[in-house]
Amino acid sequence: MSSLIGTYECKVDAKGRLMLPAALKKQLAPALQNGFVLKRAVFQPCLELYPMAEWEALMQKVNKLNRFKKKNNDFIRRFTAGVKIVEVDATGRLLIPKDLVVFADISKEIVMSSAINIVEIWDKDKYEQVIDDATGDFADLAEEVMGQDDDDYGIS
């Protein structure tokens, strides 16, 4: 699957259903028939929507962990806590299960933000707060994570 692109503002109805934005639905079209996995994020109070193929690739890595090591077992349990299989219905809606709505403190307004091969689903206010809080540190973070020596770019 190619990288997903875009950040979309949406609304969630009282039952936890959201209409996939047309541009995102088009990008996810190859994955629509196989369904998705929706889970709690590890580092932030948001949800992560994995196309099934991406989830299965991740689970192959997780499955290589030695389950006879307590920390591995604890990680697997926490990482998969609250995991749900979800599908997009015929009208393009996705149902967010109630326990995941509570975890991410989702109200009516949400943001669906592409994160390379998955989609993060945020309460809009929380998303804006996290983006605003990170603005000052982003230059340093970008340099640390993406900064390379000139040799890595073929420059002598």
C-alpha atoms as a PDB file:
ATOM      1  CA  MET A   1       0.000   0.000   0.000  1.00  0.00           C
ATOM      2  CA  SER A   2       1.300   3.448  -0.820  1.00  0.00           C
ATOM      3  CA  SER A   3       1.483   6.157   1.797  1.00  0.00           C
ATOM      4  CA  LEU A   4      -1.781   7.764   2.809  1.00  0.00           C
ATOM      5  CA  ILE A   5      -2.002  11.530   2.452  1.00  0.00           C
ATOM      6  CA  GLY A   6      -4.158  14.124   4.154  1.00  0.00           C
ATOM      7  CA  THR A   7      -5.795  15.431   7.287  1.00  0.00           C
ATOM      8  CA  TYR A   8      -9.581  15.569   7.342  1.00  0.00           C
ATOM      9  CA  GLU A   9     -12.090  17.087   9.733  1.00  0.00           C
ATOM     10  CA  CYS A  10     -15.244  15.017  10.223  1.00  0.00           C
ATOM     11  CA  LYS A  11     -18.201  14.624  12.520  1.00  0.00           C
ATOM     12  CA  VAL A  12     -19.195  11.582  14.546  1.00  0.00           C
ATOM     13  CA  ASP A  13     -22.867  10.915  15.197  1.00  0.00           C
ATOM     14  CA  ALA A  14     -24.350   9.919  18.561  1.00  0.00           C
ATOM     15  CA  LYS A  15     -23.815   6.216  17.765  1.00  0.00           C
ATOM     16  CA  GLY A  16     -20.086   6.688  17.048  1.00  0.00           C
ATOM     17  CA  ARG A  17     -20.374   6.523  13.253  1.00  0.00           C
ATOM     18  CA  LEU A  18     -18.273   8.666  10.973  1.00  0.00           C
ATOM     19  CA  MET A  19     -18.474   9.148   7.237  1.00  0.00           C
ATOM     20  CA  LEU A  20     -15.111   8.495   5.601  1.00  0.00           C
ATOM     21  CA  PRO A  21     -14.031  11.592   3.661  1.00  0.00           C
ATOM     22  CA  ALA A  22     -14.207  10.913  -0.103  1.00  0.00           C
ATOM     23  CA  ALA A  23     -10.490  11.616  -0.672  1.00  0.00           C
ATOM     24  CA  LEU A  24      -9.477   9.219   2.109  1.00  0.00           C
ATOM     25  CA  LYS A  25     -11.979   6.589   1.001  1.00  0.00           C
ATOM     26  CA  LYS A  26     -10.479   6.707  -2.489  1.00  0.00           C
ATOM     27  CA  GLN A  27      -6.970   6.129  -1.090  1.00  0.00           C
ATOM     28  CA  LEU A  28      -8.240   3.255   1.062  1.00  0.00           C
ATOM     29  CA  ALA A  29     -10.285   1.696  -1.778  1.00  0.00           C
ATOM     30  CA  PRO A  30      -7.992  -1.339  -2.213  1.00  0.00           C
ATOM     31  CA  ALA A  31      -8.371  -2.131   1.508  1.00  0.00           C
ATOM     32  CA  LEU A  32     -12.134  -1.564   1.879  1.00  0.00           C
ATOM     33  CA  GLN A  33     -13.156  -5.168   1.137  1.00  0.00           C
ATOM     34  CA  ASN A  34     -10.689  -6.638   3.663  1.00  0.00           C
ATOM     35  CA  GLY A  35     -11.733  -4.434   6.558  1.00  0.00           C
ATOM     36  CA  PHE A  36      -9.671  -2.624   9.154  1.00  0.00           C
ATOM     37  CA  VAL A  37      -8.365  -2.947  12.680  1.00  0.00           C
ATOM     38  CA  LEU A  38      -9.051  -0.070  15.055  1.00  0.00           C
ATOM     39  CA  LYS A  39      -6.987   0.214  18.226  1.00  0.00           C
ATOM     40  CA  ARG A  40      -5.805   2.530  20.958  1.00  0.00           C
ATOM     41  CA  ALA A  41      -2.645   4.444  20.125  1.00  0.00           C
ATOM     42  CA  VAL A  42       0.398   3.688  22.254  1.00  0.00           C
ATOM     43  CA  PHE A  43       1.724   7.205  22.818  1.00  0.00           C
ATOM     44  CA  GLN A  44      -1.267   9.515  22.354  1.00  0.00           C
ATOM     45  CA  PRO A  45      -4.963   9.651  23.320  1.00  0.00           C
ATOM     46  CA  CYS A  46      -6.138   8.803  19.821  1.00  0.00           C
ATOM     47  CA  LEU A  47      -7.124   5.766  17.764  1.00  0.00           C
ATOM     48  CA  GLU A  48      -5.223   4.063  14.956  1.00  0.00           C
ATOM     49  CA  LEU A  49      -7.006   2.635  11.924  1.00  0.00           C
ATOM     50  CA  TYR A  50      -4.988  -0.093  10.215  1.00  0.00           C
ATOM     51  CA  PRO A  51      -5.918  -1.541   6.827  1.00  0.00           C
ATOM     52  CA  MET A  52      -6.048  -5.309   7.422  1.00  0.00           C
ATOM     53  CA  ALA A  53      -2.915  -5.986   5.324  1.00  0.00           C
ATOM     54  CA  GLU A  54      -0.929  -3.454   7.388  1.00  0.00           C
ATOM     55  CA  TRP A  55      -2.213  -4.984  10.629  1.00  0.00           C
ATOM     56  CA  GLU A  56      -1.273  -8.493   9.525  1.00  0.00           C
ATOM     57  CA  ALA A  57       2.255  -7.337   8.584  1.00  0.00           C
ATOM     58  CA  LEU A  58       2.625  -5.747  12.023  1.00  0.00           C
ATOM     59  CA  MET A  59       1.304  -8.865  13.744  1.00  0.00           C
ATOM     60  CA  GLN A  60       3.933 -10.976  11.950  1.00  0.00           C
ATOM     61  CA  LYS A  61       6.581  -8.858  13.685  1.00  0.00           C
ATOM     62  CA  VAL A  62       4.830  -9.033  17.052  1.00  0.00           C
ATOM     63  CA  ASN A  63       4.399 -12.796  16.693  1.00  0.00           C
ATOM     64  CA  LYS A  64       8.196 -13.202  16.596  1.00  0.00           C
ATOM     65  CA  LEU A  65       8.454 -11.979  20.190  1.00  0.00           C
ATOM     66  CA  ASN A  66       9.336 -14.655  22.727  1.00  0.00           C
ATOM     67  CA  ARG A  67       6.160 -15.053  24.798  1.00  0.00           C
ATOM     68  CA  PHE A  68       8.161 -16.669  27.616  1.00  0.00           C
ATOM     69  CA  LYS A  69       9.616 -13.239  28.435  1.00  0.00           C
ATOM     70  CA  LYS A  70       7.230 -11.409  30.746  1.00  0.00           C
ATOM     71  CA  LYS A  71       7.880  -7.976  29.203  1.00  0.00           C
ATOM     72  CA  ASN A  72       7.025  -9.326  25.744  1.00  0.00           C
ATOM     73  CA  ASN A  73       3.805 -10.870  27.019  1.00  0.00           C
ATOM     74  CA  ASP A  74       2.912  -7.643  28.843  1.00  0.00           C
ATOM     75  CA  PHE A  75       3.610  -5.620  25.699  1.00  0.00           C
ATOM     76  CA  ILE A  76       1.437  -7.878  23.522  1.00  0.00           C
ATOM     77  CA  ARG A  77      -1.429  -7.713  26.006  1.00  0.00           C
ATOM     78  CA  ARG A  78      -1.328  -3.926  26.274  1.00  0.00           C
ATOM     79  CA  PHE A  79      -0.701  -3.370  22.564  1.00  0.00           C
ATOM     80  CA  THR A  80      -3.726  -5.452  21.577  1.00  0.00           C
ATOM     81  CA  ALA A  81      -6.020  -4.196  24.364  1.00  0.00           C
ATOM     82  CA  GLY A  82      -9.252  -2.908  22.895  1.00  0.00           C
ATOM     83  CA  VAL A  83      -8.423  -4.002  19.341  1.00  0.00           C
ATOM     84  CA  LYS A  84     -11.515  -4.239  17.133  1.00  0.00           C
ATOM     85  CA  ILE A  85     -12.142  -5.350  13.560  1.00  0.00           C
ATOM     86  CA  VAL A  86     -14.227  -2.702  11.809  1.00  0.00           C
ATOM     87  CA  GLU A  87     -15.689  -2.375   8.344  1.00  0.00           C
ATOM     88  CA  VAL A  88     -16.866   0.495   6.218  1.00  0.00           C
ATOM     89  CA  ASP A  89     -20.568   0.015   5.465  1.00  0.00           C
ATOM     90  CA  ALA A  90     -22.252   0.428   2.062  1.00  0.00           C
ATOM     91  CA  THR A  91     -22.788   4.147   2.677  1.00  0.00           C
ATOM     92  CA  GLY A  92     -19.118   4.774   3.565  1.00  0.00           C
ATOM     93  CA  ARG A  93     -19.539   4.943   7.326  1.00  0.00           C
ATOM     94  CA  LEU A  94     -17.271   3.461   9.955  1.00  0.00           C
ATOM     95  CA  LEU A  95     -18.517   2.643  13.465  1.00  0.00           C
ATOM     96  CA  ILE A  96     -16.157   3.470  16.323  1.00  0.00           C
ATOM     97  CA  PRO A  97     -16.925   1.098  19.223  1.00  0.00           C
ATOM     98  CA  LYS A  98     -18.022   2.807  22.438  1.00  0.00           C
ATOM     99  CA  ASP A  99     -14.972   1.779  24.506  1.00  0.00           C
ATOM    100  CA  LEU A 100     -12.647   3.318  21.907  1.00  0.00           C
ATOM    101  CA  VAL A 101     -14.750   6.512  21.764  1.00  0.00           C
ATOM    102  CA  VAL A 102     -14.262   6.771  25.535  1.00  0.00           C
ATOM    103  CA  PHE A 103     -10.508   6.025  25.354  1.00  0.00           C
ATOM    104  CA  ALA A 104      -9.883   8.778  22.787  1.00  0.00           C
ATOM    105  CA  ASP A 105     -12.400  11.139  24.446  1.00  0.00           C
ATOM    106  CA  ILE A 106     -14.055  11.627  21.078  1.00  0.00           C
ATOM    107  CA  SER A 107     -16.868  14.138  20.988  1.00  0.00           C
ATOM    108  CA  LYS A 108     -18.673  15.290  17.853  1.00  0.00           C
ATOM    109  CA  GLU A 109     -15.766  16.848  15.933  1.00  0.00           C
ATOM    110  CA  ILE A 110     -12.843  14.635  14.941  1.00  0.00           C
ATOM    111  CA  VAL A 111      -9.722  14.744  12.813  1.00  0.00           C
ATOM    112  CA  MET A 112      -8.601  11.841  10.652  1.00  0.00           C
ATOM    113  CA  SER A 113      -4.894  12.258  10.041  1.00  0.00           C
ATOM    114  CA  SER A 114      -2.841  10.069   7.743  1.00  0.00           C
ATOM    115  CA  ALA A 115       0.264   8.622   9.384  1.00  0.00           C
ATOM    116  CA  ILE A 116       2.067   6.943   6.473  1.00  0.00           C
ATOM    117  CA  ASN A 117       0.297   3.555   6.320  1.00  0.00           C
ATOM    118  CA  ILE A 118      -2.411   4.060   8.960  1.00  0.00           C
ATOM    119  CA  VAL A 119      -4.946   6.736   9.882  1.00  0.00           C
ATOM    120  CA  GLU A 120      -5.056   8.362  13.299  1.00  0.00           C
ATOM    121  CA  ILE A 121      -8.495   9.349  14.593  1.00  0.00           C
ATOM    122  CA  TRP A 122      -8.460  12.216  17.094  1.00  0.00           C
ATOM    123  CA  ASP A 123     -10.925  14.331  18.980  1.00  0.00           C
ATOM    124  CA  LYS A 124     -10.469  17.653  17.145  1.00  0.00           C
ATOM    125  CA  ASP A 125      -9.589  19.698  20.250  1.00  0.00           C
ATOM    126  CA  LYS A 126      -6.998  17.138  21.405  1.00  0.00           C
ATOM    127  CA  TYR A 127      -5.437  16.991  17.915  1.00  0.00           C
ATOM    128  CA  GLU A 128      -5.097  20.768  17.711  1.00  0.00           C
ATOM    129  CA  GLN A 129      -3.603  20.879  21.206  1.00  0.00           C
ATOM    130  CA  VAL A 130      -0.994  18.209  20.386  1.00  0.00           C
ATOM    131  CA  ILE A 131      -0.059  19.949  17.127  1.00  0.00           C
ATOM    132  CA  ASP A 132       0.191  23.338  18.874  1.00  0.00           C
ATOM    133  CA  ASP A 133       2.227  21.899  21.766  1.00  0.00           C
ATOM    134  CA  ALA A 134       4.711  20.280  19.376  1.00  0.00           C
ATOM    135  CA  THR A 135       5.264  23.313  17.138  1.00  0.00           C
ATOM    136  CA  GLY A 136       8.220  24.693  19.105  1.00  0.00           C
ATOM    137  CA  ASP A 137      10.014  21.358  19.316  1.00  0.00           C
ATOM    138  CA  PHE A 138       9.377  20.203  15.750  1.00  0.00           C
ATOM    139  CA  ALA A 139      12.532  21.695  14.215  1.00  0.00           C
ATOM    140  CA  ASP A 140      14.723  19.928  16.772  1.00  0.00           C
ATOM    141  CA  LEU A 141      12.743  16.713  16.390  1.00  0.00           C
ATOM    142  CA  ALA A 142      12.990  16.838  12.582  1.00  0.00           C
ATOM    143  CA  GLU A 143      16.746  17.315  12.749  1.00  0.00           C
ATOM    144  CA  GLU A 144      17.176  14.464  15.231  1.00  0.00           C
ATOM    145  CA  VAL A 145      14.913  12.003  13.411  1.00  0.00           C
ATOM    146  CA  MET A 146      15.486  12.892   9.762  1.00  0.00           C
ATOM    147  CA  GLY A 147      18.800  14.790   9.791  1.00  0.00           C
ATOM    148  CA  GLN A 148      21.511  12.902   7.982  1.00  0.00           C
ATOM    149  CA  ASP A 149      25.180  13.457   7.409  1.00  0.00           C
ATOM    150  CA  ASP A 150      25.915  14.891   3.970  1.00  0.00           C
ATOM    151  CA  ASP A 151      27.611  11.590   3.077  1.00  0.00           C
ATOM    152  CA  ASP A 152      24.210   9.889   3.190  1.00  0.00           C
ATOM    153  CA  TYR A 153      23.100  12.096   0.295  1.00  0.00           C
ATOM    154  CA  GLY A 154      26.140  11.448  -1.903  1.00  0.00           C
ATOM    155  CA  ILE A 155      27.678  14.848  -1.148  1.00  0.00           C
ATOM    156  CA  SER A 156      31.407  14.827  -0.534  1.00  0.00           C
END
